[in-house]
Protein backbone atom coordinates (compact mmCIF):
# COMPACT_ATOMS: atom_id res chain seq x y z
CA MET A 1 110.07 119.55 316.16
CA LYS A 2 110.77 122.88 314.45
CA LEU A 3 114.49 122.15 314.72
CA VAL A 4 114.06 118.79 312.94
CA VAL A 5 112.05 120.38 310.10
CA PHE A 6 114.64 123.17 309.76
CA ALA A 7 117.48 120.60 309.71
CA CYS A 8 115.69 118.61 306.96
CA LEU A 9 115.12 121.73 304.86
CA ALA A 10 118.73 122.85 305.34
CA SER A 11 120.08 119.44 304.31
CA MET A 12 117.85 119.43 301.20
CA ALA A 13 119.10 122.88 300.23
CA LEU A 14 122.72 121.79 300.62
CA ALA A 15 122.12 118.62 298.58
CA PHE A 16 120.62 120.57 295.64
CA PRO A 17 123.12 120.85 292.75
CA GLN A 18 124.82 124.24 292.65
CA GLY A 19 126.65 126.06 289.87
CA ASP A 20 126.57 125.87 286.12
CA PRO A 21 124.80 122.78 284.69
CA ARG A 22 127.50 122.61 282.00
CA ASP A 23 129.98 121.65 284.73
CA VAL A 24 128.33 118.24 285.06
CA GLU A 25 130.48 115.44 283.70
CA ALA A 26 129.59 114.42 280.16
CA VAL A 27 128.86 110.84 279.24
CA VAL A 28 130.09 109.37 275.96
CA LEU A 29 127.03 108.40 273.92
CA LYS A 30 128.78 107.27 270.75
CA ASP A 31 132.36 106.36 269.91
CA VAL A 32 132.63 104.58 266.56
CA ARG A 33 135.98 104.12 264.85
CA SER A 34 137.06 102.09 261.85
CA ASP A 35 140.47 102.01 260.19
CA SER A 36 141.10 99.70 257.26
CA GLY A 37 144.88 100.14 257.54
CA ASP A 38 145.25 101.49 254.00
CA GLY A 39 144.61 105.14 254.84
CA ASN A 40 140.81 104.90 254.80
CA PHE A 41 139.09 105.55 258.12
CA ASN A 42 135.86 106.72 259.75
CA PHE A 43 135.36 108.31 263.15
CA GLU A 44 132.23 109.46 264.99
CA PHE A 45 132.06 110.71 268.57
CA GLU A 46 129.21 112.20 270.63
CA THR A 47 128.75 113.16 274.28
CA SER A 48 125.73 113.93 276.44
CA ASN A 49 126.66 117.62 276.70
CA GLY A 50 126.24 118.24 272.95
CA ILE A 51 129.78 117.71 271.67
CA TYR A 52 129.82 115.85 268.36
CA SER A 53 132.58 115.12 265.85
CA GLN A 54 132.79 112.97 262.76
CA ARG A 55 135.35 112.58 260.01
CA THR A 56 136.17 110.36 257.08
CA GLY A 57 139.68 109.96 255.74
CA THR A 58 141.13 108.66 252.50
CA PRO A 59 144.67 108.56 251.10
CA GLY A 60 145.55 111.77 249.27
CA SER A 61 147.17 112.22 245.88
CA LYS A 62 150.41 113.58 247.39
CA GLY A 63 150.79 111.16 250.31
CA GLN A 64 148.66 113.10 252.76
CA SER A 65 145.42 112.01 254.41
CA ASP A 66 142.40 113.71 252.87
CA MET A 67 139.64 114.30 255.42
CA THR A 68 136.10 115.57 255.40
CA GLY A 69 134.13 116.05 258.56
CA SER A 70 132.30 118.25 260.98
CA PHE A 71 132.09 119.08 264.65
CA ARG A 72 129.58 120.88 266.82
CA PHE A 73 129.20 122.02 270.41
CA ASN A 74 126.90 124.18 272.52
CA LEU A 75 127.72 127.84 273.02
CA PRO A 76 127.15 129.56 276.39
CA ASP A 77 123.98 131.23 275.05
CA GLY A 78 122.47 127.81 274.23
CA THR A 79 122.92 127.92 270.46
CA VAL A 80 124.81 125.20 268.64
CA ALA A 81 128.07 125.97 266.84
CA GLU A 82 128.78 123.74 263.86
CA VAL A 83 131.80 123.62 261.55
CA ARG A 84 132.11 121.49 258.41
CA TYR A 85 135.53 121.08 256.82
CA VAL A 86 137.68 119.56 254.14
CA ALA A 87 141.39 118.97 254.66
CA ASP A 88 143.50 117.87 251.69
CA GLU A 89 146.47 118.96 249.54
CA LEU A 90 144.88 122.42 249.35
CA GLY A 91 144.87 122.78 253.13
CA TYR A 92 142.20 123.00 255.82
CA ARG A 93 139.00 124.68 254.62
CA PRO A 94 136.35 125.12 257.31
CA GLU A 95 132.83 126.37 256.60
CA SER A 96 130.54 127.82 259.25
CA PRO A 97 128.32 130.85 259.68
CA LEU A 98 130.38 131.56 262.82
CA ILE A 99 133.61 132.14 260.89
CA PRO A 100 134.11 135.87 260.23
CA THR A 101 134.22 136.89 256.58
CA PRO A 102 135.73 140.05 255.11
CA HIS A 103 133.47 142.93 254.22
CA PRO A 104 132.65 143.22 250.51
CA LEU A 105 134.79 145.64 248.52
CA PRO A 106 133.23 149.04 247.80
CA PRO A 107 132.25 149.72 244.16
CA HIS A 108 135.15 152.15 243.55
CA ALA A 109 137.70 149.50 244.61
CA ILE A 110 136.13 146.93 242.29
CA GLU A 111 136.35 149.47 239.45
CA GLN A 112 140.05 150.13 240.20
CA ILE A 113 140.78 146.40 240.10
CA ARG A 114 138.94 146.07 236.76
CA VAL A 115 140.96 148.97 235.25
CA ALA A 116 144.24 147.49 236.51
CA GLU A 117 143.38 144.11 234.96
CA GLU A 118 142.61 145.79 231.62
CA GLN A 119 145.94 147.67 231.75
CA ARG A 120 147.82 144.47 232.59
CA ALA A 121 146.13 142.68 229.66
CA LYS A 122 147.29 145.49 227.31
CA GLY A 123 150.86 145.18 228.61
CA ILE A 124 150.83 148.50 230.49
CA THR A 125 153.20 148.45 233.45
CA PHE A 126 154.27 151.06 235.98
CA GLU A 127 157.66 151.51 237.61
CA LYS A 128 157.87 150.95 241.31
């Protein structure tokens, strides 16, 4: 009898899912696409593991496709990363608190730039 109980417990332990829960296959929850054929389109995609993407496109002024959209996904620590963007004749411009930004200039550097702009406005130049 003890052997049967041990065998049942062992088989239950082996059947229990192992590893990282993020390794489980994702299921597509939403996949919506529309394309009017004239350069205008919409796209929205979402999966059960937190991946989401959406974008809207329109014809651009210089022949390109202008797009606005966003995407998000879960980070290993459980927080959600989200990026919003615009892509047009000026390039790809993402916005997100996750994107590193340069440190602000120190006051003395800002003052040097101001002085240089004043000198340039007065026509002062320096040889290289």
